[in-house]
Amino acid sequence: MTLYSSSSGMKRTRIGEVNVVLTLGSIALVVAALVSFAASAIGKLGVVVAPPADGQDEREKDVMTFVFAKDGKITEQPPHLTHLDPILSLQSEGFTTLDLAHREGKIHTGSWIFVVDSSDKLLLLRRGPELVTCPLAWSMVGEHAYRDETKKDTLKRGIEEELGDKTWKSILDTGSYAELTDLPLFYFRDYGPEREGRIDRQVTHLWLVELGVSAEEADAKIMQLDEEVHEHKWMPLEEAEKWVQDDMAAIKGGEKLDNISAMIPSDR
């Protein structure tokens, strides 16, 4: 399975009425911060932000696992949050449950989905307090890829499960979707003994989804949030970027406040 033939990590897409080049700028900085923070990190904002989670019992999920290969030989995994080298290939190891993939640290695939309204506001979801992994964490929409799914299948299912069937229909009618990068990112996270030693190794496709309607209309008429979403907010990209930068600076500065802060996506 060859990943991609292009070596570019950049895509031109459209947000609202303005053409922009998306590289490691606004959204990509938010991406990097969201997925880089550890759940135990202490930050200034007093908010928990987690990797995306699909909200179902992961023991029931069936995913394909892989090893990386180069020139026909198994090779080491790429560094965390780097675009995959196009000469790498993914060799299937077979299928397992998502639960075992995490317990055994198997490489699998998934998508992180950045949803914006017609005014370039970014949707953030807050995980429920009863969830085992990253309770009350803020996140974007995310999904693991199931058996026989294409990356578009995963995108569609992620939107429908997290935001409701009407949201996907609205995107097709008045919005748009596109991958943010030509090459997926490799995401690595060791959750440690407090999460039963789970290790996440994911080849991650990054999507930008434009609803084509305002946040107010989406809230009132379109979105039906998954029951495990505790609350949600719409945040201008500039504000989201500053939100992340302030928290990263607090963490680097060793600030210790009363609240835990960490950013991750919603399928964990």
C-alpha atoms as a PDB file:
ATOM      1  CA  MET A   1       0.000   0.000   0.000  1.00  0.00           C
ATOM      2  CA  THR A   2       1.816   3.135  -1.200  1.00  0.00           C
ATOM      3  CA  LEU A   3       0.973   6.235   0.792  1.00  0.00           C
ATOM      4  CA  TYR A   4       1.305   9.072  -1.740  1.00  0.00           C
ATOM      5  CA  SER A   5       3.460  10.001  -4.707  1.00  0.00           C
ATOM      6  CA  SER A   6       3.695  13.709  -3.924  1.00  0.00           C
ATOM      7  CA  SER A   7       6.257  15.073  -1.497  1.00  0.00           C
ATOM      8  CA  SER A   8       4.346  18.278  -0.802  1.00  0.00           C
ATOM      9  CA  GLY A   9       2.800  18.854   2.597  1.00  0.00           C
ATOM     10  CA  MET A  10       0.702  21.791   1.412  1.00  0.00           C
ATOM     11  CA  LYS A  11      -2.789  22.176  -0.002  1.00  0.00           C
ATOM     12  CA  ARG A  12      -4.645  25.159  -1.399  1.00  0.00           C
ATOM     13  CA  THR A  13      -8.233  25.238  -0.293  1.00  0.00           C
ATOM     14  CA  ARG A  14     -10.993  27.726   0.394  1.00  0.00           C
ATOM     15  CA  ILE A  15     -12.197  29.005   3.756  1.00  0.00           C
ATOM     16  CA  GLY A  16     -15.314  31.146   3.441  1.00  0.00           C
ATOM     17  CA  GLU A  17     -14.641  33.617   0.605  1.00  0.00           C
ATOM     18  CA  VAL A  18     -10.862  33.820   0.989  1.00  0.00           C
ATOM     19  CA  ASN A  19      -8.333  31.590  -0.788  1.00  0.00           C
ATOM     20  CA  VAL A  20      -5.537  30.574   1.556  1.00  0.00           C
ATOM     21  CA  VAL A  21      -2.538  28.275   1.457  1.00  0.00           C
ATOM     22  CA  LEU A  22      -2.706  25.844   4.376  1.00  0.00           C
ATOM     23  CA  THR A  23       0.731  24.699   5.550  1.00  0.00           C
ATOM     24  CA  LEU A  24       2.072  24.939   9.118  1.00  0.00           C
ATOM     25  CA  GLY A  25       0.138  28.171   9.606  1.00  0.00           C
ATOM     26  CA  SER A  26      -3.138  28.887  11.434  1.00  0.00           C
ATOM     27  CA  ILE A  27      -4.924  25.524  11.298  1.00  0.00           C
ATOM     28  CA  ALA A  28      -1.730  23.501  11.166  1.00  0.00           C
ATOM     29  CA  LEU A  29      -0.401  25.206  14.295  1.00  0.00           C
ATOM     30  CA  VAL A  30      -3.654  24.366  16.025  1.00  0.00           C
ATOM     31  CA  VAL A  31      -3.274  20.800  14.700  1.00  0.00           C
ATOM     32  CA  ALA A  32       0.231  20.461  16.081  1.00  0.00           C
ATOM     33  CA  ALA A  33      -0.692  21.820  19.472  1.00  0.00           C
ATOM     34  CA  LEU A  34      -3.865  19.790  19.760  1.00  0.00           C
ATOM     35  CA  VAL A  35      -2.091  16.534  19.152  1.00  0.00           C
ATOM     36  CA  SER A  36       1.163  17.329  20.958  1.00  0.00           C
ATOM     37  CA  PHE A  37      -0.082  18.089  24.439  1.00  0.00           C
ATOM     38  CA  ALA A  38      -0.048  15.249  26.958  1.00  0.00           C
ATOM     39  CA  ALA A  39      -3.181  14.705  29.000  1.00  0.00           C
ATOM     40  CA  SER A  40      -1.238  15.391  32.190  1.00  0.00           C
ATOM     41  CA  ALA A  41       0.335  18.650  31.024  1.00  0.00           C
ATOM     42  CA  ILE A  42      -0.341  21.690  33.172  1.00  0.00           C
ATOM     43  CA  GLY A  43      -1.230  24.847  31.245  1.00  0.00           C
ATOM     44  CA  LYS A  44      -2.380  28.396  31.791  1.00  0.00           C
ATOM     45  CA  LEU A  45      -5.833  28.138  30.266  1.00  0.00           C
ATOM     46  CA  GLY A  46      -7.215  25.558  32.643  1.00  0.00           C
ATOM     47  CA  VAL A  47      -8.795  23.519  29.852  1.00  0.00           C
ATOM     48  CA  VAL A  48      -8.257  19.918  28.893  1.00  0.00           C
ATOM     49  CA  VAL A  49      -7.860  19.325  25.205  1.00  0.00           C
ATOM     50  CA  ALA A  50      -7.512  15.782  23.886  1.00  0.00           C
ATOM     51  CA  PRO A  51      -6.831  13.597  20.442  1.00  0.00           C
ATOM     52  CA  PRO A  52     -10.267  12.985  18.740  1.00  0.00           C
ATOM     53  CA  ALA A  53     -12.415  10.069  19.937  1.00  0.00           C
ATOM     54  CA  ASP A  54     -15.267   8.311  18.189  1.00  0.00           C
ATOM     55  CA  GLY A  55     -17.147   7.607  21.380  1.00  0.00           C
ATOM     56  CA  GLN A  56     -17.910   3.892  20.959  1.00  0.00           C
ATOM     57  CA  ASP A  57     -16.587   0.878  22.856  1.00  0.00           C
ATOM     58  CA  GLU A  58     -13.274   0.358  21.101  1.00  0.00           C
ATOM     59  CA  ARG A  59     -13.244  -3.345  21.963  1.00  0.00           C
ATOM     60  CA  GLU A  60     -15.942  -3.818  19.307  1.00  0.00           C
ATOM     61  CA  LYS A  61     -13.981  -2.098  16.532  1.00  0.00           C
ATOM     62  CA  ASP A  62     -12.099  -3.932  13.817  1.00  0.00           C
ATOM     63  CA  VAL A  63      -9.113  -2.117  12.284  1.00  0.00           C
ATOM     64  CA  MET A  64      -6.293  -3.054   9.922  1.00  0.00           C
ATOM     65  CA  THR A  65      -2.800  -2.847  11.391  1.00  0.00           C
ATOM     66  CA  PHE A  66       0.422  -2.191   9.506  1.00  0.00           C
ATOM     67  CA  VAL A  67       4.191  -2.013   9.583  1.00  0.00           C
ATOM     68  CA  PHE A  68       6.248   0.560   7.698  1.00  0.00           C
ATOM     69  CA  ALA A  69       8.393  -0.710   4.845  1.00  0.00           C
ATOM     70  CA  LYS A  70      11.037   0.877   2.628  1.00  0.00           C
ATOM     71  CA  ASP A  71      12.502  -0.872  -0.416  1.00  0.00           C
ATOM     72  CA  GLY A  72      10.616  -3.994   0.601  1.00  0.00           C
ATOM     73  CA  LYS A  73      12.124  -4.124   4.091  1.00  0.00           C
ATOM     74  CA  ILE A  74      10.450  -3.302   7.396  1.00  0.00           C
ATOM     75  CA  THR A  75      11.722   0.031   8.716  1.00  0.00           C
ATOM     76  CA  GLU A  76      11.372   2.202  11.801  1.00  0.00           C
ATOM     77  CA  GLN A  77       8.381   4.431  12.388  1.00  0.00           C
ATOM     78  CA  PRO A  78       8.679   8.122  11.414  1.00  0.00           C
ATOM     79  CA  PRO A  79       9.077  10.857  14.037  1.00  0.00           C
ATOM     80  CA  HIS A  80       5.958  12.117  15.806  1.00  0.00           C
ATOM     81  CA  LEU A  81       3.865  14.624  13.805  1.00  0.00           C
ATOM     82  CA  THR A  82       5.919  14.431  10.629  1.00  0.00           C
ATOM     83  CA  HIS A  83       4.552  14.030   7.126  1.00  0.00           C
ATOM     84  CA  LEU A  84       5.180  10.522   5.892  1.00  0.00           C
ATOM     85  CA  ASP A  85       7.952  10.011   3.363  1.00  0.00           C
ATOM     86  CA  PRO A  86       6.253   9.150   0.035  1.00  0.00           C
ATOM     87  CA  ILE A  87       8.695   6.296  -0.573  1.00  0.00           C
ATOM     88  CA  LEU A  88       7.418   4.497   2.518  1.00  0.00           C
ATOM     89  CA  SER A  89       4.727   1.875   2.142  1.00  0.00           C
ATOM     90  CA  LEU A  90       2.323   0.331   4.623  1.00  0.00           C
ATOM     91  CA  GLN A  91       2.375  -3.458   4.763  1.00  0.00           C
ATOM     92  CA  SER A  92      -0.724  -4.986   6.303  1.00  0.00           C
ATOM     93  CA  GLU A  93      -0.353  -7.257   9.312  1.00  0.00           C
ATOM     94  CA  GLY A  94      -4.033  -8.209   9.338  1.00  0.00           C
ATOM     95  CA  PHE A  95      -7.001  -7.139  11.447  1.00  0.00           C
ATOM     96  CA  THR A  96      -7.534  -6.691  15.163  1.00  0.00           C
ATOM     97  CA  THR A  97      -9.808  -4.779  17.500  1.00  0.00           C
ATOM     98  CA  LEU A  98      -9.035  -1.140  18.151  1.00  0.00           C
ATOM     99  CA  ASP A  99      -8.649  -2.004  21.819  1.00  0.00           C
ATOM    100  CA  LEU A 100      -5.866  -4.499  21.053  1.00  0.00           C
ATOM    101  CA  ALA A 101      -4.284  -2.143  18.515  1.00  0.00           C
ATOM    102  CA  HIS A 102      -3.873   0.381  21.320  1.00  0.00           C
ATOM    103  CA  ARG A 103      -2.843  -2.136  23.962  1.00  0.00           C
ATOM    104  CA  GLU A 104      -0.190  -3.629  21.636  1.00  0.00           C
ATOM    105  CA  GLY A 105       0.878  -0.341  20.022  1.00  0.00           C
ATOM    106  CA  LYS A 106      -0.032  -1.422  16.493  1.00  0.00           C
ATOM    107  CA  ILE A 107       0.110   1.048  13.596  1.00  0.00           C
ATOM    108  CA  HIS A 108      -3.348   1.876  12.227  1.00  0.00           C
ATOM    109  CA  THR A 109      -5.000   4.678  10.259  1.00  0.00           C
ATOM    110  CA  GLY A 110      -7.494   7.393  11.068  1.00  0.00           C
ATOM    111  CA  SER A 111      -8.644  10.953  10.393  1.00  0.00           C
ATOM    112  CA  TRP A 112      -8.721  14.224  12.297  1.00  0.00           C
ATOM    113  CA  ILE A 113     -11.408  16.565  11.048  1.00  0.00           C
ATOM    114  CA  PHE A 114     -11.334  20.344  11.439  1.00  0.00           C
ATOM    115  CA  VAL A 115     -14.852  21.724  11.012  1.00  0.00           C
ATOM    116  CA  VAL A 116     -15.329  25.449  10.298  1.00  0.00           C
ATOM    117  CA  ASP A 117     -18.467  27.511   9.763  1.00  0.00           C
ATOM    118  CA  SER A 118     -19.051  30.189   7.108  1.00  0.00           C
ATOM    119  CA  SER A 119     -17.211  32.776   9.256  1.00  0.00           C
ATOM    120  CA  ASP A 120     -14.070  30.662   9.706  1.00  0.00           C
ATOM    121  CA  LYS A 121     -14.910  29.609  13.261  1.00  0.00           C
ATOM    122  CA  LEU A 122     -13.437  26.277  14.337  1.00  0.00           C
ATOM    123  CA  LEU A 123     -15.652  23.697  16.059  1.00  0.00           C
ATOM    124  CA  LEU A 124     -14.308  22.232  19.314  1.00  0.00           C
ATOM    125  CA  LEU A 125     -16.023  19.423  21.215  1.00  0.00           C
ATOM    126  CA  ARG A 126     -15.664  18.655  24.907  1.00  0.00           C
ATOM    127  CA  ARG A 127     -15.629  15.026  25.949  1.00  0.00           C
ATOM    128  CA  GLY A 128     -17.999  13.796  28.646  1.00  0.00           C
ATOM    129  CA  PRO A 129     -16.853  13.517  32.277  1.00  0.00           C
ATOM    130  CA  GLU A 130     -17.662   9.782  32.356  1.00  0.00           C
ATOM    131  CA  LEU A 131     -15.253   8.811  29.575  1.00  0.00           C
ATOM    132  CA  VAL A 132     -12.161   6.854  30.619  1.00  0.00           C
ATOM    133  CA  THR A 133      -9.706   8.520  28.252  1.00  0.00           C
ATOM    134  CA  CYS A 134      -9.296  12.283  28.618  1.00  0.00           C
ATOM    135  CA  PRO A 135     -12.597  13.132  30.334  1.00  0.00           C
ATOM    136  CA  LEU A 136     -13.662  16.773  29.866  1.00  0.00           C
ATOM    137  CA  ALA A 137     -10.974  17.223  27.188  1.00  0.00           C
ATOM    138  CA  TRP A 138     -11.557  19.664  24.335  1.00  0.00           C
ATOM    139  CA  SER A 139     -10.976  18.180  20.888  1.00  0.00           C
ATOM    140  CA  MET A 140     -11.775  18.309  17.207  1.00  0.00           C
ATOM    141  CA  VAL A 141     -13.737  15.560  15.460  1.00  0.00           C
ATOM    142  CA  GLY A 142     -11.757  12.366  14.849  1.00  0.00           C
ATOM    143  CA  GLU A 143     -12.228   8.778  13.728  1.00  0.00           C
ATOM    144  CA  HIS A 144     -10.233   5.594  13.392  1.00  0.00           C
ATOM    145  CA  ALA A 145     -10.522   3.795  10.055  1.00  0.00           C
ATOM    146  CA  TYR A 146     -12.433   0.521  10.210  1.00  0.00           C
ATOM    147  CA  ARG A 147     -12.006  -2.616   8.115  1.00  0.00           C
ATOM    148  CA  ASP A 148     -12.433  -1.979   4.358  1.00  0.00           C
ATOM    149  CA  GLU A 149     -13.086   1.750   4.787  1.00  0.00           C
ATOM    150  CA  THR A 150     -11.608   4.352   2.447  1.00  0.00           C
ATOM    151  CA  LYS A 151     -10.407   7.580   4.029  1.00  0.00           C
ATOM    152  CA  LYS A 152     -13.530   9.315   2.694  1.00  0.00           C
ATOM    153  CA  ASP A 153     -15.692   6.615   4.327  1.00  0.00           C
ATOM    154  CA  THR A 154     -13.989   7.374   7.633  1.00  0.00           C
ATOM    155  CA  LEU A 155     -14.531  11.105   7.161  1.00  0.00           C
ATOM    156  CA  LYS A 156     -18.240  10.632   6.429  1.00  0.00           C
ATOM    157  CA  ARG A 157     -18.783   8.268   9.364  1.00  0.00           C
ATOM    158  CA  GLY A 158     -16.913  10.591  11.709  1.00  0.00           C
ATOM    159  CA  ILE A 159     -19.110  13.539  10.801  1.00  0.00           C
ATOM    160  CA  GLU A 160     -22.323  11.498  11.005  1.00  0.00           C
ATOM    161  CA  GLU A 161     -21.485   9.867  14.345  1.00  0.00           C
ATOM    162  CA  GLU A 162     -20.186  12.998  16.076  1.00  0.00           C
ATOM    163  CA  LEU A 163     -22.352  15.719  14.476  1.00  0.00           C
ATOM    164  CA  GLY A 164     -25.348  13.847  13.015  1.00  0.00           C
ATOM    165  CA  ASP A 165     -26.512  12.630   9.595  1.00  0.00           C
ATOM    166  CA  LYS A 166     -27.938  16.042   8.701  1.00  0.00           C
ATOM    167  CA  THR A 167     -24.508  17.620   9.045  1.00  0.00           C
ATOM    168  CA  TRP A 168     -22.980  15.407   6.351  1.00  0.00           C
ATOM    169  CA  LYS A 169     -25.927  16.112   4.045  1.00  0.00           C
ATOM    170  CA  SER A 170     -25.513  19.834   4.672  1.00  0.00           C
ATOM    171  CA  ILE A 171     -21.816  19.631   3.797  1.00  0.00           C
ATOM    172  CA  LEU A 172     -22.660  17.963   0.489  1.00  0.00           C
ATOM    173  CA  ASP A 173     -25.386  20.550  -0.232  1.00  0.00           C
ATOM    174  CA  THR A 174     -23.753  23.831   0.792  1.00  0.00           C
ATOM    175  CA  GLY A 175     -20.267  23.105   2.148  1.00  0.00           C
ATOM    176  CA  SER A 176     -17.070  21.370   1.119  1.00  0.00           C
ATOM    177  CA  TYR A 177     -14.334  19.075   2.364  1.00  0.00           C
ATOM    178  CA  ALA A 178     -10.689  18.578   1.426  1.00  0.00           C
ATOM    179  CA  GLU A 179      -7.539  17.063   2.854  1.00  0.00           C
ATOM    180  CA  LEU A 180      -5.281  19.680   4.400  1.00  0.00           C
ATOM    181  CA  THR A 181      -2.055  17.975   3.333  1.00  0.00           C
ATOM    182  CA  ASP A 182      -0.947  15.743   0.486  1.00  0.00           C
ATOM    183  CA  LEU A 183       0.793  13.462   2.946  1.00  0.00           C
ATOM    184  CA  PRO A 184      -0.716  12.165   6.194  1.00  0.00           C
ATOM    185  CA  LEU A 185       0.986  12.756   9.515  1.00  0.00           C
ATOM    186  CA  PHE A 186       2.302  10.071  11.814  1.00  0.00           C
ATOM    187  CA  TYR A 187       0.958  10.464  15.359  1.00  0.00           C
ATOM    188  CA  PHE A 188       2.569   8.711  18.321  1.00  0.00           C
ATOM    189  CA  ARG A 189       1.451   8.811  21.930  1.00  0.00           C
ATOM    190  CA  ASP A 190       2.261   6.670  24.949  1.00  0.00           C
ATOM    191  CA  TYR A 191      -0.620   7.060  27.402  1.00  0.00           C
ATOM    192  CA  GLY A 192       1.386   5.547  30.235  1.00  0.00           C
ATOM    193  CA  PRO A 193       0.417   3.248  33.120  1.00  0.00           C
ATOM    194  CA  GLU A 194      -2.564   5.408  34.104  1.00  0.00           C
ATOM    195  CA  ARG A 195      -4.150   4.352  30.774  1.00  0.00           C
ATOM    196  CA  GLU A 196      -3.114   0.678  31.015  1.00  0.00           C
ATOM    197  CA  GLY A 197       0.028   1.239  28.950  1.00  0.00           C
ATOM    198  CA  ARG A 198      -1.867   2.028  25.764  1.00  0.00           C
ATOM    199  CA  ILE A 199       0.201   3.298  22.856  1.00  0.00           C
ATOM    200  CA  ASP A 200      -1.261   5.112  19.867  1.00  0.00           C
ATOM    201  CA  ARG A 201       0.540   4.827  16.525  1.00  0.00           C
ATOM    202  CA  GLN A 202      -1.660   6.335  13.853  1.00  0.00           C
ATOM    203  CA  VAL A 203      -1.199   7.320  10.219  1.00  0.00           C
ATOM    204  CA  THR A 204      -3.438  10.378  10.314  1.00  0.00           C
ATOM    205  CA  HIS A 205      -5.291  12.120   7.503  1.00  0.00           C
ATOM    206  CA  LEU A 206      -6.103  15.769   8.225  1.00  0.00           C
ATOM    207  CA  TRP A 207      -9.364  17.135   6.806  1.00  0.00           C
ATOM    208  CA  LEU A 208     -10.835  20.597   6.541  1.00  0.00           C
ATOM    209  CA  VAL A 209     -14.651  20.541   6.444  1.00  0.00           C
ATOM    210  CA  GLU A 210     -16.501  23.767   5.629  1.00  0.00           C
ATOM    211  CA  LEU A 211     -20.167  23.744   6.626  1.00  0.00           C
ATOM    212  CA  GLY A 212     -21.200  26.652   4.403  1.00  0.00           C
ATOM    213  CA  VAL A 213     -23.539  27.975   7.114  1.00  0.00           C
ATOM    214  CA  SER A 214     -23.076  30.006  10.283  1.00  0.00           C
ATOM    215  CA  ALA A 215     -22.338  28.404  13.632  1.00  0.00           C
ATOM    216  CA  GLU A 216     -25.716  29.659  14.849  1.00  0.00           C
ATOM    217  CA  GLU A 217     -27.583  27.954  12.008  1.00  0.00           C
ATOM    218  CA  ALA A 218     -25.542  24.772  12.426  1.00  0.00           C
ATOM    219  CA  ASP A 219     -26.380  24.659  16.136  1.00  0.00           C
ATOM    220  CA  ALA A 220     -30.074  25.416  15.672  1.00  0.00           C
ATOM    221  CA  LYS A 221     -30.968  23.443  12.550  1.00  0.00           C
ATOM    222  CA  ILE A 222     -28.296  20.957  11.511  1.00  0.00           C
ATOM    223  CA  MET A 223     -25.982  19.436  14.106  1.00  0.00           C
ATOM    224  CA  GLN A 224     -27.087  16.624  16.411  1.00  0.00           C
ATOM    225  CA  LEU A 225     -24.133  16.034  18.706  1.00  0.00           C
ATOM    226  CA  ASP A 226     -23.154  12.598  19.947  1.00  0.00           C
ATOM    227  CA  GLU A 227     -24.415  11.917  23.474  1.00  0.00           C
ATOM    228  CA  GLU A 228     -20.841  11.665  24.766  1.00  0.00           C
ATOM    229  CA  VAL A 229     -20.130  15.279  23.773  1.00  0.00           C
ATOM    230  CA  HIS A 230     -20.412  17.272  27.011  1.00  0.00           C
ATOM    231  CA  GLU A 231     -20.456  20.680  25.324  1.00  0.00           C
ATOM    232  CA  HIS A 232     -19.069  22.458  22.277  1.00  0.00           C
ATOM    233  CA  LYS A 233     -17.814  25.853  21.199  1.00  0.00           C
ATOM    234  CA  TRP A 234     -17.054  27.742  17.995  1.00  0.00           C
ATOM    235  CA  MET A 235     -13.788  29.673  18.052  1.00  0.00           C
ATOM    236  CA  PRO A 236     -12.259  32.022  15.427  1.00  0.00           C
ATOM    237  CA  LEU A 237      -9.066  30.515  14.019  1.00  0.00           C
ATOM    238  CA  GLU A 238      -6.970  33.418  15.273  1.00  0.00           C
ATOM    239  CA  GLU A 239      -8.368  32.988  18.764  1.00  0.00           C
ATOM    240  CA  ALA A 240      -7.842  29.215  18.648  1.00  0.00           C
ATOM    241  CA  GLU A 241      -4.235  29.779  17.608  1.00  0.00           C
ATOM    242  CA  LYS A 242      -3.640  32.175  20.503  1.00  0.00           C
ATOM    243  CA  TRP A 243      -5.443  29.806  22.881  1.00  0.00           C
ATOM    244  CA  VAL A 244      -3.020  27.068  21.932  1.00  0.00           C
ATOM    245  CA  GLN A 245       0.082  29.273  21.946  1.00  0.00           C
ATOM    246  CA  ASP A 246      -0.702  30.622  25.430  1.00  0.00           C
ATOM    247  CA  ASP A 247      -1.125  27.124  26.798  1.00  0.00           C
ATOM    248  CA  MET A 248       2.067  25.860  25.158  1.00  0.00           C
ATOM    249  CA  ALA A 249       3.994  28.812  26.585  1.00  0.00           C
ATOM    250  CA  ALA A 250       2.589  28.092  30.047  1.00  0.00           C
ATOM    251  CA  ILE A 251       3.607  24.451  29.821  1.00  0.00           C
ATOM    252  CA  LYS A 252       7.123  25.297  28.596  1.00  0.00           C
ATOM    253  CA  GLY A 253       7.421  27.827  31.410  1.00  0.00           C
ATOM    254  CA  GLY A 254       6.564  25.185  33.985  1.00  0.00           C
ATOM    255  CA  GLU A 255       3.480  26.970  35.279  1.00  0.00           C
ATOM    256  CA  LYS A 256       1.372  24.860  37.632  1.00  0.00           C
ATOM    257  CA  LEU A 257      -2.206  25.943  38.114  1.00  0.00           C
ATOM    258  CA  ASP A 258      -5.205  24.243  39.664  1.00  0.00           C
ATOM    259  CA  ASN A 259      -6.605  22.934  36.388  1.00  0.00           C
ATOM    260  CA  ILE A 260      -5.170  20.369  34.008  1.00  0.00           C
ATOM    261  CA  SER A 261      -4.673  21.445  30.411  1.00  0.00           C
ATOM    262  CA  ALA A 262      -4.034  19.249  27.396  1.00  0.00           C
ATOM    263  CA  MET A 263      -5.174  19.164  23.774  1.00  0.00           C
ATOM    264  CA  ILE A 264      -6.059  15.998  21.886  1.00  0.00           C
ATOM    265  CA  PRO A 265      -8.652  14.794  19.107  1.00  0.00           C
ATOM    266  CA  SER A 266     -12.117  13.006  19.751  1.00  0.00           C
ATOM    267  CA  ASP A 267     -11.674   9.371  18.640  1.00  0.00           C
ATOM    268  CA  ARG A 268      -9.521   8.257  21.608  1.00  0.00           C
END
